[in-house]
């Protein structure tokens, strides 16, 4: 069985349970999206009119270069197939908690002969529901 010492995060939580610490070099990327109403857009005089339905819907994109089978299963069990409360740092460093979901997670197995139980490029996105 492969071993990969990865610490639990002190910043990223799903329903109060920590995720594994993401890679230091780009392991988590934060995005914020806004949704405009159907009637938003440019008028014939070229002026943009936007009626916001929801602003700052967060999305956290996690990426791990390598994880064990057990680490991947732990994180998948936290996020797959349900909505949950996700806690992460805001731009100013203070914690923010919001309702979220994860639609897809993926990872590729290393050679079972040389790296039994390790997966590479494990990725998943945590997306705010906007609720």
Protein backbone atom coordinates (compact mmCIF):
# COMPACT_ATOMS: atom_id res chain seq x y z
CA UNK A 1 0.00 0.00 0.00
CA UNK A 2 1.38 3.39 -0.98
CA UNK A 3 2.04 6.06 1.60
CA UNK A 4 1.84 9.80 1.05
CA UNK A 5 2.01 12.00 4.13
CA UNK A 6 -0.47 14.81 3.53
CA UNK A 7 -1.69 17.01 6.37
CA UNK A 8 -5.30 17.93 7.00
CA UNK A 9 -6.19 21.49 6.06
CA UNK A 10 -6.77 24.17 8.66
CA UNK A 11 -8.65 26.36 6.13
CA UNK A 12 -10.89 24.12 3.98
CA UNK A 13 -13.79 22.20 5.56
CA UNK A 14 -16.82 20.24 4.35
CA UNK A 15 -19.56 20.07 7.00
CA UNK A 16 -16.85 20.76 9.58
CA UNK A 17 -14.53 17.95 8.39
CA UNK A 18 -11.18 19.09 6.98
CA UNK A 19 -10.06 18.35 3.44
CA UNK A 20 -6.48 17.31 2.89
CA UNK A 21 -4.15 20.26 2.47
CA UNK A 22 -4.00 21.16 -1.24
CA UNK A 23 -0.66 21.41 -3.04
CA UNK A 24 1.17 24.65 -2.21
CA UNK A 25 1.82 25.53 -5.85
CA UNK A 26 -1.62 26.09 -7.33
CA UNK A 27 -3.50 23.38 -5.44
CA UNK A 28 -6.58 25.57 -4.98
CA UNK A 29 -7.90 28.25 -7.28
CA UNK A 30 -10.78 30.48 -6.20
CA UNK A 31 -13.29 32.02 -8.62
CA UNK A 32 -16.35 34.20 -8.06
CA UNK A 33 -19.17 34.33 -10.58
CA UNK A 34 -22.20 36.58 -10.89
CA UNK A 35 -25.50 35.83 -12.60
CA UNK A 36 -27.38 38.51 -14.51
CA UNK A 37 -31.12 38.56 -15.23
CA UNK A 38 -32.50 37.63 -18.65
CA UNK A 39 -33.18 41.26 -19.54
CA UNK A 40 -29.55 42.34 -18.99
CA UNK A 41 -27.45 43.40 -21.95
CA UNK A 42 -26.59 46.29 -24.24
CA UNK A 43 -29.24 48.58 -25.58
CA UNK A 44 -29.06 49.96 -29.12
CA UNK A 45 -27.23 53.06 -27.89
CA UNK A 46 -24.39 50.80 -26.64
CA UNK A 47 -25.05 51.20 -22.92
CA UNK A 48 -24.75 48.07 -20.81
CA UNK A 49 -27.64 47.47 -18.40
CA UNK A 50 -27.13 44.70 -15.87
CA UNK A 51 -29.66 43.50 -13.37
CA UNK A 52 -27.87 41.16 -11.02
CA UNK A 53 -29.72 38.08 -9.79
CA UNK A 54 -26.85 36.85 -7.63
CA UNK A 55 -23.31 38.15 -7.13
CA UNK A 56 -20.10 36.52 -5.89
CA UNK A 57 -21.04 32.85 -6.20
CA UNK A 58 -17.81 31.13 -5.12
CA UNK A 59 -16.09 28.21 -6.80
CA UNK A 60 -13.01 26.47 -5.37
CA UNK A 61 -11.00 24.32 -7.79
CA UNK A 62 -8.86 21.77 -5.95
CA UNK A 63 -5.92 19.96 -7.51
CA UNK A 64 -3.60 17.37 -5.98
CA UNK A 65 -0.54 16.06 -7.85
CA UNK A 66 -0.69 12.77 -5.94
CA UNK A 67 -2.98 11.21 -3.33
CA UNK A 68 -3.42 7.74 -1.93
CA UNK A 69 -6.52 5.67 -2.65
CA UNK A 70 -7.63 6.30 0.95
CA UNK A 71 -7.13 10.08 0.72
CA UNK A 72 -9.08 10.23 -2.55
CA UNK A 73 -11.91 8.12 -1.08
CA UNK A 74 -12.06 10.31 2.04
CA UNK A 75 -12.45 13.52 0.01
CA UNK A 76 -14.88 11.98 -2.49
CA UNK A 77 -17.05 10.73 0.38
CA UNK A 78 -17.18 14.27 1.80
CA UNK A 79 -18.24 16.01 -1.42
CA UNK A 80 -19.90 13.64 -3.89
CA UNK A 81 -23.66 13.30 -4.35
CA UNK A 82 -24.93 15.87 -1.86
CA UNK A 83 -25.02 19.52 -0.92
CA UNK A 84 -22.91 20.53 2.04
CA UNK A 85 -21.56 23.47 4.02
CA UNK A 86 -18.13 24.48 2.71
CA UNK A 87 -15.76 26.71 4.66
CA UNK A 88 -12.81 28.46 3.03
CA UNK A 89 -10.93 31.75 3.42
CA UNK A 90 -12.32 34.88 1.75
CA UNK A 91 -10.06 37.34 -0.08
CA UNK A 92 -9.26 39.07 3.22
CA UNK A 93 -8.35 35.78 4.93
CA UNK A 94 -11.42 35.51 7.17
CA UNK A 95 -13.40 32.26 6.95
CA UNK A 96 -16.56 32.08 4.84
CA UNK A 97 -19.11 29.23 4.94
CA UNK A 98 -21.66 28.62 2.18
CA UNK A 99 -23.87 25.88 0.76
CA UNK A 100 -22.08 24.05 -2.04
CA UNK A 101 -21.90 20.90 -4.18
CA UNK A 102 -19.35 19.00 -6.26
CA UNK A 103 -20.45 17.69 -9.64
CA UNK A 104 -17.25 15.94 -10.83
CA UNK A 105 -14.03 14.61 -9.37
CA UNK A 106 -11.29 12.76 -11.24
CA UNK A 107 -7.89 11.17 -10.84
CA UNK A 108 -5.61 8.83 -12.76
CA UNK A 109 -4.03 5.74 -11.22
CA UNK A 110 -0.25 5.46 -11.29
CA UNK A 111 1.25 2.13 -12.30
CA UNK A 112 -0.04 -0.43 -9.79
CA UNK A 113 3.31 -2.27 -9.97
CA UNK A 114 5.46 0.70 -8.94
CA UNK A 115 3.01 2.94 -7.08
CA UNK A 116 0.33 0.68 -5.67
CA UNK A 117 -2.57 2.79 -4.44
CA UNK A 118 -1.41 6.23 -5.63
CA UNK A 119 -3.47 8.45 -7.88
CA UNK A 120 -2.18 11.47 -9.78
CA UNK A 121 -3.86 14.68 -10.86
CA UNK A 122 -6.81 14.26 -8.50
CA UNK A 123 -9.14 17.22 -9.06
CA UNK A 124 -12.56 18.41 -7.99
CA UNK A 125 -14.52 21.66 -7.93
CA UNK A 126 -16.63 22.90 -5.05
CA UNK A 127 -19.31 25.23 -6.36
CA UNK A 128 -21.54 27.49 -4.30
CA UNK A 129 -25.27 26.89 -4.82
CA UNK A 130 -26.05 30.59 -4.52
CA UNK A 131 -28.53 29.87 -1.73
